[in-house]
Amino acid sequence: MWSLANQGRGFRVSVARTVVASERPPEHDHMPSLRVAPRNKCRPASSHVTQQGTILNTNMDAKTITALGEALDDEYKARATYRAVIERFGEVRPFINIVEAEGRHIKALLAIYQRHGVEPPADPWTGRIEAPATVESACQAAVEAERENDAMYRRLLSIVEDPDIRAVMARLQEASRDRHLPAFERCLQRGGQRRGRGAGRGGGFRPSGPW
């Protein structure tokens, strides 16, 4: 038994038996049979170690995994922050709407991990963030956080090359810049006035689409 493997191209060829030419019967004067891996396994693969220490085979490069982890961590932090505000002040807008959007952002990023066979990092922020002293200061902090989120995605989009991952990140950036940020800016303009889920007109965040 011997095998010829080319790991770089992601395939393996095995020959069950080697026969000396002089001993080969005439009726078997042909190439030995080959066993080739299925097409869905014929792709380059690389190994990476996640934050949990699990070695996985994936076609994502290290810089993309790092960028994806940074994006997911930021979305985890945003969700935990807005949850803390709600726990302290109740169902105040726009936090009650945007915290749901942050959950959808996280699901979108986790779906990328699943498609590429990479174990995602766990959420390190839940229950570890203290809400600001007032709703107004919470809105101010949220404005700064959403601006930083926009800048982060702008930087990550200059690193990531995979078109599908870029498309998801671009949509998340757009939601943060064009929807979340204006909602928190309006909250700041009204001095953090507390409004419930259905209170008021035009002062809260109205989600549009899954982002």
N, C-alpha and C. Protein backbone atom coordinates (compact mmCIF):
# COMPACT_ATOMS: atom_id res chain seq x y z
N MET A 1 0.87 -1.20 0.00
CA MET A 1 0.00 0.00 0.00
C MET A 1 0.89 1.23 0.00
N TRP A 2 0.61 2.17 -0.88
CA TRP A 2 1.32 3.44 -0.86
C TRP A 2 0.37 4.52 -1.28
N SER A 3 0.69 5.73 -0.94
CA SER A 3 -0.21 6.84 -1.27
C SER A 3 0.60 8.03 -1.72
N LEU A 4 0.00 8.82 -2.60
CA LEU A 4 0.58 10.07 -3.07
C LEU A 4 -0.38 11.17 -2.67
N ALA A 5 0.08 12.08 -1.80
CA ALA A 5 -0.82 13.13 -1.30
C ALA A 5 -0.31 14.49 -1.71
N ASN A 6 -1.22 15.36 -2.14
CA ASN A 6 -0.89 16.75 -2.42
C ASN A 6 -1.80 17.61 -1.56
N GLN A 7 -1.34 17.93 -0.35
CA GLN A 7 -2.20 18.66 0.58
C GLN A 7 -2.48 20.07 0.09
N GLY A 8 -1.55 20.68 -0.66
CA GLY A 8 -1.74 22.05 -1.13
C GLY A 8 -2.98 22.20 -1.99
N ARG A 9 -3.29 21.19 -2.79
CA ARG A 9 -4.47 21.26 -3.65
C ARG A 9 -5.66 20.54 -3.03
N GLY A 10 -5.45 19.94 -1.85
CA GLY A 10 -6.57 19.40 -1.11
C GLY A 10 -7.09 18.07 -1.63
N PHE A 11 -6.22 17.26 -2.30
CA PHE A 11 -6.72 15.96 -2.72
C PHE A 11 -5.71 14.90 -2.35
N ARG A 12 -6.14 13.64 -2.33
CA ARG A 12 -5.29 12.50 -2.02
C ARG A 12 -5.58 11.40 -3.03
N VAL A 13 -4.52 10.81 -3.57
CA VAL A 13 -4.63 9.71 -4.52
C VAL A 13 -4.02 8.49 -3.88
N SER A 14 -4.71 7.36 -3.86
CA SER A 14 -4.22 6.14 -3.25
C SER A 14 -4.19 5.03 -4.30
N VAL A 15 -3.14 4.26 -4.32
CA VAL A 15 -3.01 3.10 -5.20
C VAL A 15 -3.01 1.86 -4.33
N ALA A 16 -3.92 0.96 -4.57
CA ALA A 16 -4.08 -0.18 -3.68
C ALA A 16 -2.89 -1.13 -3.76
N ARG A 17 -2.24 -1.26 -4.90
CA ARG A 17 -1.21 -2.25 -5.04
C ARG A 17 -0.24 -1.85 -6.13
N THR A 18 1.04 -2.10 -5.94
CA THR A 18 2.07 -1.85 -6.94
C THR A 18 2.53 -3.19 -7.50
N VAL A 19 2.51 -3.35 -8.83
CA VAL A 19 2.89 -4.61 -9.47
C VAL A 19 4.08 -4.37 -10.37
N VAL A 20 5.09 -5.17 -10.27
CA VAL A 20 6.27 -5.07 -11.13
C VAL A 20 5.84 -5.36 -12.55
N ALA A 21 6.34 -4.56 -13.50
CA ALA A 21 5.88 -4.66 -14.89
C ALA A 21 6.10 -6.04 -15.46
N SER A 22 7.24 -6.68 -15.16
CA SER A 22 7.54 -7.99 -15.74
C SER A 22 6.61 -9.07 -15.23
N GLU A 23 5.98 -8.88 -14.06
CA GLU A 23 5.08 -9.88 -13.50
C GLU A 23 3.63 -9.62 -13.86
N ARG A 24 3.33 -8.52 -14.56
CA ARG A 24 1.95 -8.15 -14.81
C ARG A 24 1.37 -8.97 -15.94
N PRO A 25 0.23 -9.63 -15.76
CA PRO A 25 -0.39 -10.40 -16.84
C PRO A 25 -0.81 -9.47 -17.97
N PRO A 26 -0.79 -9.94 -19.22
CA PRO A 26 -1.15 -9.11 -20.38
C PRO A 26 -2.54 -8.53 -20.26
N GLU A 27 -3.50 -9.37 -19.73
CA GLU A 27 -4.87 -8.86 -19.70
C GLU A 27 -5.03 -7.72 -18.71
N HIS A 28 -4.02 -7.48 -17.84
CA HIS A 28 -4.08 -6.38 -16.89
C HIS A 28 -3.12 -5.27 -17.26
N ASP A 29 -2.83 -5.14 -18.54
CA ASP A 29 -1.87 -4.14 -19.01
C ASP A 29 -2.58 -2.79 -19.13
N HIS A 30 -2.86 -2.17 -17.96
CA HIS A 30 -3.50 -0.85 -17.96
C HIS A 30 -3.08 -0.15 -16.67
N MET A 31 -3.44 1.12 -16.57
CA MET A 31 -3.10 1.89 -15.39
C MET A 31 -3.84 1.34 -14.18
N PRO A 32 -3.19 1.30 -13.00
CA PRO A 32 -3.90 0.86 -11.80
C PRO A 32 -5.04 1.81 -11.46
N SER A 33 -6.08 1.27 -10.82
CA SER A 33 -7.23 2.09 -10.47
C SER A 33 -6.87 3.10 -9.41
N LEU A 34 -7.47 4.29 -9.49
CA LEU A 34 -7.19 5.38 -8.58
C LEU A 34 -8.45 5.73 -7.80
N ARG A 35 -8.26 6.13 -6.54
CA ARG A 35 -9.38 6.59 -5.74
C ARG A 35 -9.15 8.06 -5.41
N VAL A 36 -10.04 8.92 -5.88
CA VAL A 36 -9.89 10.36 -5.71
C VAL A 36 -10.96 10.85 -4.74
N ALA A 37 -10.59 11.77 -3.88
CA ALA A 37 -11.55 12.30 -2.90
C ALA A 37 -12.69 13.01 -3.60
N PRO A 38 -13.88 13.05 -2.99
CA PRO A 38 -15.03 13.76 -3.58
C PRO A 38 -14.70 15.22 -3.83
N ARG A 39 -15.41 15.82 -4.77
CA ARG A 39 -15.12 17.20 -5.17
C ARG A 39 -15.31 18.18 -4.03
N ASN A 40 -16.27 17.90 -3.15
CA ASN A 40 -16.50 18.85 -2.08
C ASN A 40 -15.40 18.86 -1.03
N LYS A 41 -14.47 17.91 -1.15
CA LYS A 41 -13.32 17.91 -0.26
C LYS A 41 -12.05 18.40 -0.96
N CYS A 42 -12.16 18.66 -2.24
CA CYS A 42 -10.99 19.06 -3.01
C CYS A 42 -10.84 20.57 -2.98
N ARG A 43 -10.44 21.12 -1.84
CA ARG A 43 -10.23 22.55 -1.74
C ARG A 43 -9.13 22.81 -0.72
N PRO A 44 -8.41 23.89 -0.88
CA PRO A 44 -7.35 24.18 0.08
C PRO A 44 -7.94 24.36 1.46
N ALA A 45 -7.21 23.95 2.46
CA ALA A 45 -7.66 24.12 3.84
C ALA A 45 -6.49 24.53 4.70
N SER A 46 -6.76 25.33 5.68
CA SER A 46 -5.73 25.75 6.61
C SER A 46 -6.25 25.57 8.02
N SER A 47 -5.35 25.42 8.96
CA SER A 47 -5.72 25.20 10.35
C SER A 47 -5.48 26.47 11.15
N HIS A 48 -6.41 26.78 12.01
CA HIS A 48 -6.28 27.94 12.89
C HIS A 48 -6.72 27.53 14.29
N VAL A 49 -6.26 28.25 15.27
CA VAL A 49 -6.67 28.01 16.64
C VAL A 49 -7.57 29.15 17.07
N THR A 50 -8.79 28.84 17.46
CA THR A 50 -9.72 29.87 17.90
C THR A 50 -9.39 30.30 19.31
N GLN A 51 -10.14 31.29 19.80
CA GLN A 51 -9.92 31.74 21.16
C GLN A 51 -10.23 30.64 22.16
N GLN A 52 -11.03 29.66 21.77
CA GLN A 52 -11.33 28.54 22.66
C GLN A 52 -10.26 27.47 22.60
N GLY A 53 -9.28 27.61 21.67
CA GLY A 53 -8.20 26.66 21.57
C GLY A 53 -8.50 25.47 20.68
N THR A 54 -9.59 25.49 19.93
CA THR A 54 -9.97 24.38 19.07
C THR A 54 -9.33 24.55 17.70
N ILE A 55 -8.65 23.52 17.23
CA ILE A 55 -8.03 23.57 15.91
C ILE A 55 -9.07 23.15 14.88
N LEU A 56 -9.29 24.00 13.88
CA LEU A 56 -10.32 23.76 12.88
C LEU A 56 -9.74 23.89 11.49
N ASN A 57 -10.32 23.16 10.54
CA ASN A 57 -9.94 23.30 9.15
C ASN A 57 -10.91 24.26 8.48
N THR A 58 -10.38 25.28 7.83
CA THR A 58 -11.23 26.28 7.20
C THR A 58 -10.52 26.86 5.99
N ASN A 59 -11.31 27.39 5.06
CA ASN A 59 -10.71 28.05 3.91
C ASN A 59 -10.59 29.55 4.13
N MET A 60 -10.87 30.03 5.36
CA MET A 60 -10.68 31.44 5.69
C MET A 60 -9.26 31.67 6.17
N ASP A 61 -8.67 32.77 5.71
CA ASP A 61 -7.32 33.07 6.16
C ASP A 61 -7.35 33.73 7.54
N ALA A 62 -6.18 33.82 8.14
CA ALA A 62 -6.08 34.29 9.53
C ALA A 62 -6.55 35.73 9.68
N LYS A 63 -6.25 36.58 8.71
CA LYS A 63 -6.64 37.99 8.85
C LYS A 63 -8.15 38.15 8.79
N THR A 64 -8.82 37.31 8.00
CA THR A 64 -10.28 37.38 7.93
C THR A 64 -10.91 36.89 9.23
N ILE A 65 -10.36 35.82 9.80
CA ILE A 65 -10.86 35.31 11.07
C ILE A 65 -10.68 36.35 12.17
N THR A 66 -9.55 37.04 12.17
CA THR A 66 -9.30 38.08 13.16
C THR A 66 -10.28 39.24 12.99
N ALA A 67 -10.51 39.66 11.75
CA ALA A 67 -11.44 40.76 11.49
C ALA A 67 -12.86 40.38 11.89
N LEU A 68 -13.25 39.16 11.58
CA LEU A 68 -14.59 38.69 11.93
C LEU A 68 -14.76 38.65 13.45
N GLY A 69 -13.72 38.23 14.14
CA GLY A 69 -13.78 38.19 15.60
C GLY A 69 -13.91 39.57 16.22
N GLU A 70 -13.23 40.55 15.63
CA GLU A 70 -13.33 41.91 16.14
C GLU A 70 -14.74 42.47 15.94
N ALA A 71 -15.32 42.20 14.78
CA ALA A 71 -16.68 42.67 14.51
C ALA A 71 -17.68 42.03 15.47
N LEU A 72 -17.55 40.72 15.67
CA LEU A 72 -18.48 40.03 16.55
C LEU A 72 -18.35 40.53 17.99
N ASP A 73 -17.13 40.76 18.44
CA ASP A 73 -16.91 41.26 19.79
C ASP A 73 -17.56 42.63 19.99
N ASP A 74 -17.47 43.48 18.98
CA ASP A 74 -18.05 44.81 19.08
C ASP A 74 -19.58 44.74 19.14
N GLU A 75 -20.15 43.84 18.37
CA GLU A 75 -21.61 43.67 18.40
C GLU A 75 -22.05 43.06 19.73
N TYR A 76 -21.29 42.12 20.26
CA TYR A 76 -21.58 41.57 21.59
C TYR A 76 -21.60 42.70 22.62
N LYS A 77 -20.59 43.56 22.57
CA LYS A 77 -20.47 44.64 23.55
C LYS A 77 -21.64 45.62 23.44
N ALA A 78 -22.02 45.96 22.21
CA ALA A 78 -23.14 46.88 22.01
C ALA A 78 -24.43 46.29 22.59
N ARG A 79 -24.68 45.02 22.33
CA ARG A 79 -25.90 44.40 22.86
C ARG A 79 -25.89 44.40 24.38
N ALA A 80 -24.77 44.05 24.98
CA ALA A 80 -24.68 44.02 26.44
C ALA A 80 -24.86 45.41 27.03
N THR A 81 -24.31 46.44 26.35
CA THR A 81 -24.43 47.81 26.84
C THR A 81 -25.88 48.28 26.81
N TYR A 82 -26.57 48.04 25.70
CA TYR A 82 -27.96 48.49 25.57
C TYR A 82 -28.88 47.70 26.49
N ARG A 83 -28.56 46.43 26.72
CA ARG A 83 -29.33 45.66 27.70
C ARG A 83 -29.18 46.25 29.10
N ALA A 84 -27.96 46.67 29.43
CA ALA A 84 -27.71 47.25 30.76
C ALA A 84 -28.51 48.54 30.95
N VAL A 85 -28.61 49.34 29.88
CA VAL A 85 -29.39 50.58 29.95
C VAL A 85 -30.86 50.26 30.19
N ILE A 86 -31.38 49.27 29.49
CA ILE A 86 -32.78 48.89 29.63
C ILE A 86 -33.05 48.34 31.03
N GLU A 87 -32.12 47.55 31.55
CA GLU A 87 -32.30 46.99 32.89
C GLU A 87 -32.34 48.10 33.95
N ARG A 88 -31.60 49.17 33.70
CA ARG A 88 -31.55 50.25 34.69
C ARG A 88 -32.71 51.23 34.56
N PHE A 89 -33.07 51.58 33.32
CA PHE A 89 -34.05 52.65 33.11
C PHE A 89 -35.39 52.18 32.54
N GLY A 90 -35.51 50.91 32.25
CA GLY A 90 -36.75 50.40 31.69
C GLY A 90 -36.75 50.46 30.16
N GLU A 91 -37.93 50.34 29.57
CA GLU A 91 -38.05 50.27 28.11
C GLU A 91 -37.95 51.66 27.50
N VAL A 92 -36.74 52.17 27.49
CA VAL A 92 -36.50 53.51 26.96
C VAL A 92 -36.03 53.42 25.51
N ARG A 93 -36.57 54.30 24.70
CA ARG A 93 -36.16 54.36 23.30
C ARG A 93 -34.93 55.25 23.15
N PRO A 94 -34.11 54.95 22.12
CA PRO A 94 -34.24 53.88 21.13
C PRO A 94 -33.58 52.57 21.53
N PHE A 95 -33.16 52.44 22.78
CA PHE A 95 -32.42 51.26 23.21
C PHE A 95 -33.21 49.97 23.03
N ILE A 96 -34.52 50.02 23.32
CA ILE A 96 -35.31 48.80 23.23
C ILE A 96 -35.41 48.29 21.80
N ASN A 97 -35.33 49.20 20.81
CA ASN A 97 -35.36 48.78 19.41
C ASN A 97 -33.99 48.35 18.91
N ILE A 98 -32.98 49.11 19.27
CA ILE A 98 -31.65 48.86 18.72
C ILE A 98 -31.01 47.64 19.35
N VAL A 99 -31.37 47.32 20.59
CA VAL A 99 -30.80 46.10 21.18
C VAL A 99 -31.26 44.87 20.39
N GLU A 100 -32.46 44.92 19.85
CA GLU A 100 -32.94 43.82 19.01
C GLU A 100 -32.16 43.77 17.69
N ALA A 101 -31.85 44.93 17.15
CA ALA A 101 -31.06 44.98 15.92
C ALA A 101 -29.66 44.42 16.15
N GLU A 102 -29.08 44.72 17.31
CA GLU A 102 -27.76 44.19 17.61
C GLU A 102 -27.79 42.67 17.66
N GLY A 103 -28.89 42.11 18.17
CA GLY A 103 -29.03 40.67 18.17
C GLY A 103 -29.04 40.09 16.76
N ARG A 104 -29.68 40.81 15.83
CA ARG A 104 -29.68 40.36 14.43
C ARG A 104 -28.30 40.49 13.81
N HIS A 105 -27.55 41.52 14.19
CA HIS A 105 -26.18 41.67 13.69
C HIS A 105 -25.32 40.48 14.12
N ILE A 106 -25.49 40.10 15.38
CA ILE A 106 -24.72 38.97 15.91
C ILE A 106 -25.07 37.69 15.16
N LYS A 107 -26.34 37.46 14.91
CA LYS A 107 -26.75 36.27 14.17
C LYS A 107 -26.17 36.26 12.76
N ALA A 108 -26.10 37.42 12.13
CA ALA A 108 -25.54 37.50 10.77
C ALA A 108 -24.06 37.12 10.76
N LEU A 109 -23.33 37.56 11.77
CA LEU A 109 -21.90 37.23 11.85
C LEU A 109 -21.70 35.77 12.24
N LEU A 110 -22.52 35.26 13.15
CA LEU A 110 -22.41 33.85 13.54
C LEU A 110 -22.70 32.92 12.36
N ALA A 111 -23.58 33.36 11.47
CA ALA A 111 -23.88 32.55 10.28
C ALA A 111 -22.65 32.40 9.40
N ILE A 112 -21.81 33.44 9.35
CA ILE A 112 -20.57 33.34 8.58
C ILE A 112 -19.65 32.30 9.19
N TYR A 113 -19.51 32.32 10.49
CA TYR A 113 -18.69 31.31 11.17
C TYR A 113 -19.18 29.91 10.83
N GLN A 114 -20.48 29.71 10.87
CA GLN A 114 -21.04 28.39 10.61
C GLN A 114 -20.78 27.95 9.18
N ARG A 115 -20.96 28.86 8.22
CA ARG A 115 -20.75 28.50 6.81
C ARG A 115 -19.31 28.10 6.54
N HIS A 116 -18.38 28.70 7.25
CA HIS A 116 -16.96 28.43 6.98
C HIS A 116 -16.35 27.42 7.96
N GLY A 117 -17.15 26.84 8.83
CA GLY A 117 -16.65 25.82 9.71
C GLY A 117 -15.69 26.32 10.77
N VAL A 118 -15.93 27.53 11.26
CA VAL A 118 -15.07 28.12 12.28
C VAL A 118 -15.87 28.29 13.56
N GLU A 119 -15.27 27.91 14.70
CA GLU A 119 -15.95 28.07 15.98
C GLU A 119 -15.88 29.53 16.41
N PRO A 120 -17.01 30.19 16.66
CA PRO A 120 -16.99 31.61 17.04
C PRO A 120 -16.59 31.79 18.49
N PRO A 121 -16.01 32.93 18.82
CA PRO A 121 -15.71 33.23 20.23
C PRO A 121 -17.00 33.45 21.01
N ALA A 122 -16.97 33.11 22.28
CA ALA A 122 -18.13 33.31 23.14
C ALA A 122 -18.31 34.78 23.48
N ASP A 123 -19.50 35.13 23.91
CA ASP A 123 -19.81 36.50 24.31
C ASP A 123 -19.17 36.79 25.67
N PRO A 124 -18.18 37.71 25.74
CA PRO A 124 -17.54 38.00 27.02
C PRO A 124 -18.14 39.18 27.76
N TRP A 125 -19.20 39.82 27.19
CA TRP A 125 -19.70 41.09 27.72
C TRP A 125 -20.99 40.98 28.51
N THR A 126 -21.77 39.94 28.31
CA THR A 126 -23.07 39.85 28.98
C THR A 126 -22.93 39.92 30.50
N GLY A 127 -23.66 40.85 31.10
CA GLY A 127 -23.66 41.00 32.55
C GLY A 127 -22.42 41.65 33.13
N ARG A 128 -21.56 42.19 32.27
CA ARG A 128 -20.31 42.77 32.76
C ARG A 128 -20.21 44.27 32.51
N ILE A 129 -21.27 44.88 32.03
CA ILE A 129 -21.25 46.31 31.72
C ILE A 129 -22.24 47.04 32.62
N GLU A 130 -21.80 48.14 33.17
CA GLU A 130 -22.65 48.97 34.03
C GLU A 130 -23.20 50.13 33.22
N ALA A 131 -24.48 50.36 33.33
CA ALA A 131 -25.13 51.43 32.58
C ALA A 131 -24.70 52.80 33.11
N PRO A 132 -24.66 53.82 32.24
CA PRO A 132 -24.36 55.18 32.70
C PRO A 132 -25.39 55.66 33.71
N ALA A 133 -25.10 56.79 34.35
CA ALA A 133 -25.94 57.29 35.44
C ALA A 133 -27.28 57.83 34.97
N THR A 134 -27.33 58.35 33.73
CA THR A 134 -28.57 58.92 33.21
C THR A 134 -28.82 58.42 31.80
N VAL A 135 -30.07 58.57 31.34
CA VAL A 135 -30.40 58.19 29.97
C VAL A 135 -29.65 59.08 28.99
N GLU A 136 -29.54 60.35 29.32
CA GLU A 136 -28.82 61.27 28.43
C GLU A 136 -27.37 60.85 28.26
N SER A 137 -26.71 60.50 29.35
CA SER A 137 -25.32 60.07 29.24
C SER A 137 -25.22 58.72 28.52
N ALA A 138 -26.25 57.88 28.65
CA ALA A 138 -26.28 56.62 27.91
C ALA A 138 -26.40 56.88 26.41
N CYS A 139 -27.20 57.87 26.04
CA CYS A 139 -27.32 58.23 24.61
C CYS A 139 -26.02 58.80 24.08
N GLN A 140 -25.34 59.60 24.89
CA GLN A 140 -24.06 60.16 24.47
C GLN A 140 -23.04 59.05 24.24
N ALA A 141 -22.99 58.10 25.17
CA ALA A 141 -22.07 56.98 25.02
C ALA A 141 -22.42 56.15 23.79
N ALA A 142 -23.71 55.99 23.52
CA ALA A 142 -24.15 55.21 22.36
C ALA A 142 -23.78 55.91 21.05
N VAL A 143 -23.89 57.22 21.02
CA VAL A 143 -23.47 57.98 19.83
C VAL A 143 -22.00 57.72 19.54
N GLU A 144 -21.18 57.81 20.56
CA GLU A 144 -19.75 57.57 20.39
C GLU A 144 -19.48 56.13 19.96
N ALA A 145 -20.20 55.19 20.55
CA ALA A 145 -20.00 53.78 20.22
C ALA A 145 -20.39 53.47 18.77
N GLU A 146 -21.49 54.05 18.30
CA GLU A 146 -21.92 53.79 16.92
C GLU A 146 -20.97 54.44 15.92
N ARG A 147 -20.41 55.58 16.26
CA ARG A 147 -19.40 56.18 15.39
C ARG A 147 -18.15 55.32 15.31
N GLU A 148 -17.76 54.77 16.46
CA GLU A 148 -16.60 53.88 16.48
C GLU A 148 -16.88 52.60 15.70
N ASN A 149 -18.12 52.13 15.77
CA ASN A 149 -18.52 50.94 15.03
C ASN A 149 -18.42 51.18 13.53
N ASP A 150 -18.86 52.35 13.09
CA ASP A 150 -18.75 52.72 11.67
C ASP A 150 -17.29 52.73 11.23
N ALA A 151 -16.43 53.34 12.04
CA ALA A 151 -15.00 53.41 11.72
C ALA A 151 -14.37 52.02 11.71
N MET A 152 -14.80 51.17 12.64
CA MET A 152 -14.26 49.81 12.69
C MET A 152 -14.58 49.05 11.40
N TYR A 153 -15.85 49.11 10.97
CA TYR A 153 -16.21 48.39 9.75
C TYR A 153 -15.51 48.97 8.52
N ARG A 154 -15.30 50.27 8.51
CA ARG A 154 -14.56 50.88 7.41
C ARG A 154 -13.15 50.30 7.34
N ARG A 155 -12.54 50.13 8.50
CA ARG A 155 -11.18 49.57 8.55
C ARG A 155 -11.19 48.08 8.19
N LEU A 156 -12.15 47.33 8.71
CA LEU A 156 -12.19 45.90 8.44
C LEU A 156 -12.48 45.61 6.97
N LEU A 157 -13.28 46.46 6.35
CA LEU A 157 -13.58 46.27 4.92
C LEU A 157 -12.37 46.50 4.04
N SER A 158 -11.36 47.19 4.56
CA SER A 158 -10.12 47.35 3.82
C SER A 158 -9.21 46.13 3.96
N ILE A 159 -9.58 45.21 4.87
CA ILE A 159 -8.78 44.02 5.12
C ILE A 159 -9.40 42.78 4.51
N VAL A 160 -10.71 42.63 4.70
CA VAL A 160 -11.42 41.42 4.27
C VAL A 160 -11.60 41.42 2.76
N GLU A 161 -11.33 40.27 2.13
CA GLU A 161 -11.45 40.16 0.67
C GLU A 161 -12.64 39.31 0.24
N ASP A 162 -13.08 38.39 1.07
CA ASP A 162 -14.20 37.52 0.70
C ASP A 162 -15.44 38.37 0.41
N PRO A 163 -16.02 38.24 -0.78
CA PRO A 163 -17.15 39.12 -1.16
C PRO A 163 -18.39 38.93 -0.31
N ASP A 164 -18.68 37.69 0.12
CA ASP A 164 -19.87 37.46 0.94
C ASP A 164 -19.71 38.08 2.32
N ILE A 165 -18.54 37.93 2.90
CA ILE A 165 -18.29 38.51 4.23
C ILE A 165 -18.29 40.03 4.14
N ARG A 166 -17.71 40.56 3.08
CA ARG A 166 -17.71 42.01 2.88
C ARG A 166 -19.13 42.54 2.76
N ALA A 167 -19.99 41.80 2.08
CA ALA A 167 -21.37 42.25 1.90
C ALA A 167 -22.10 42.33 3.25
N VAL A 168 -21.89 41.34 4.10
CA VAL A 168 -22.53 41.36 5.42
C VAL A 168 -21.99 42.52 6.25
N MET A 169 -20.69 42.69 6.27
CA MET A 169 -20.09 43.77 7.05
C MET A 169 -20.55 45.14 6.55
N ALA A 170 -20.68 45.29 5.24
CA ALA A 170 -21.13 46.56 4.68
C ALA A 170 -22.56 46.88 5.12
N ARG A 171 -23.42 45.85 5.17
CA ARG A 171 -24.80 46.08 5.61
C ARG A 171 -24.85 46.43 7.09
N LEU A 172 -24.02 45.78 7.89
CA LEU A 172 -23.98 46.11 9.32
C LEU A 172 -23.46 47.52 9.54
N GLN A 173 -22.47 47.90 8.77
CA GLN A 173 -21.95 49.27 8.86
C GLN A 173 -23.02 50.29 8.48
N GLU A 174 -23.74 50.01 7.43
CA GLU A 174 -24.80 50.92 6.99
C GLU A 174 -25.88 51.07 8.06
N ALA A 175 -26.26 49.95 8.68
CA ALA A 175 -27.29 50.01 9.72
C ALA A 175 -26.82 50.85 10.89
N SER A 176 -25.57 50.68 11.27
CA SER A 176 -25.03 51.43 12.41
C SER A 176 -24.94 52.92 12.08
N ARG A 177 -24.46 53.24 10.90
CA ARG A 177 -24.23 54.65 10.52
C ARG A 177 -25.53 55.37 10.19
N ASP A 178 -26.42 54.71 9.44
CA ASP A 178 -27.58 55.39 8.90
C ASP A 178 -28.86 55.22 9.73
N ARG A 179 -28.86 54.30 10.68
CA ARG A 179 -30.07 54.06 11.47
C ARG A 179 -29.81 54.22 12.97
N HIS A 180 -28.84 53.46 13.48
CA HIS A 180 -28.60 53.51 14.92
C HIS A 180 -28.07 54.88 15.36
N LEU A 181 -27.06 55.35 14.66
CA LEU A 181 -26.44 56.63 15.05
C LEU A 181 -27.44 57.78 15.04
N PRO A 182 -28.23 58.00 13.97
CA PRO A 182 -29.21 59.09 14.00
C PRO A 182 -30.23 58.95 15.13
N ALA A 183 -30.62 57.71 15.45
CA ALA A 183 -31.60 57.50 16.53
C ALA A 183 -31.02 57.93 17.87
N PHE A 184 -29.76 57.60 18.12
CA PHE A 184 -29.14 58.00 19.38
C PHE A 184 -28.85 59.51 19.40
N GLU A 185 -28.58 60.09 18.24
CA GLU A 185 -28.37 61.53 18.19
C GLU A 185 -29.67 62.27 18.52
N ARG A 186 -30.80 61.75 18.04
CA ARG A 186 -32.09 62.35 18.39
C ARG A 186 -32.37 62.20 19.89
N CYS A 187 -32.00 61.06 20.44
CA CYS A 187 -32.15 60.84 21.88
C CYS A 187 -31.35 61.88 22.66
N LEU A 188 -30.15 62.17 22.18
CA LEU A 188 -29.30 63.16 22.86
C LEU A 188 -29.89 64.56 22.73
N GLN A 189 -30.46 64.86 21.57
CA GLN A 189 -31.03 66.19 21.34
C GLN A 189 -32.22 66.47 22.25
N ARG A 190 -32.98 65.43 22.58
CA ARG A 190 -34.12 65.64 23.47
C ARG A 190 -33.74 65.46 24.94
N GLY A 191 -32.44 65.42 25.20
CA GLY A 191 -31.94 65.35 26.57
C GLY A 191 -32.16 64.02 27.23
N GLY A 192 -32.25 62.98 26.42
CA GLY A 192 -32.44 61.64 26.97
C GLY A 192 -33.80 61.42 27.57
N GLN A 193 -34.81 62.21 27.13
CA GLN A 193 -36.16 62.05 27.67
C GLN A 193 -36.62 60.61 27.50
N ARG A 194 -37.10 60.03 28.57
CA ARG A 194 -37.45 58.62 28.57
C ARG A 194 -38.79 58.38 27.89
N ARG A 195 -38.75 57.52 26.89
CA ARG A 195 -39.98 57.16 26.19
C ARG A 195 -40.05 55.66 26.06
N GLY A 196 -41.24 55.11 26.18
CA GLY A 196 -41.43 53.68 26.06
C GLY A 196 -41.48 53.24 24.61
N ARG A 197 -41.76 51.95 24.41
CA ARG A 197 -41.73 51.37 23.07
C ARG A 197 -42.71 52.04 22.13
N GLY A 198 -43.85 52.45 22.62
CA GLY A 198 -44.84 53.01 21.70
C GLY A 198 -45.05 54.49 21.89
N ALA A 199 -44.24 55.15 22.69
CA ALA A 199 -44.50 56.55 23.00
C ALA A 199 -43.91 57.49 21.98
N GLY A 200 -44.61 58.61 21.77
CA GLY A 200 -44.05 59.68 20.94
C GLY A 200 -44.12 59.39 19.46
N ARG A 201 -43.78 60.40 18.66
CA ARG A 201 -43.74 60.26 17.21
C ARG A 201 -42.43 60.82 16.69
N GLY A 202 -41.79 60.03 15.87
CA GLY A 202 -40.60 60.52 15.17
C GLY A 202 -39.35 60.60 16.01
N GLY A 203 -39.44 60.32 17.31
CA GLY A 203 -38.25 60.47 18.13
C GLY A 203 -37.47 59.21 18.34
N GLY A 204 -38.02 58.08 17.93
CA GLY A 204 -37.36 56.81 18.19
C GLY A 204 -36.79 56.18 16.94
N PHE A 205 -36.28 54.97 17.14
CA PHE A 205 -35.67 54.21 16.05
C PHE A 205 -36.71 53.30 15.43
N ARG A 206 -36.86 53.40 14.13
CA ARG A 206 -37.78 52.51 13.44
C ARG A 206 -36.99 51.56 12.55
N PRO A 207 -36.87 50.29 12.94
CA PRO A 207 -36.07 49.37 12.15
C PRO A 207 -36.67 49.15 10.78
N SER A 208 -35.81 49.00 9.79
CA SER A 208 -36.23 48.71 8.43
C SER A 208 -35.41 47.55 7.91
N GLY A 209 -36.04 46.44 7.64
CA GLY A 209 -35.33 45.26 7.19
C GLY A 209 -34.69 44.54 8.36
N PRO A 210 -33.89 43.49 8.06
CA PRO A 210 -33.33 42.64 9.11
C PRO A 210 -32.15 43.25 9.84
N TRP A 211 -31.71 44.45 9.47
CA TRP A 211 -30.49 45.00 10.06
C TRP A 211 -30.81 46.06 11.10
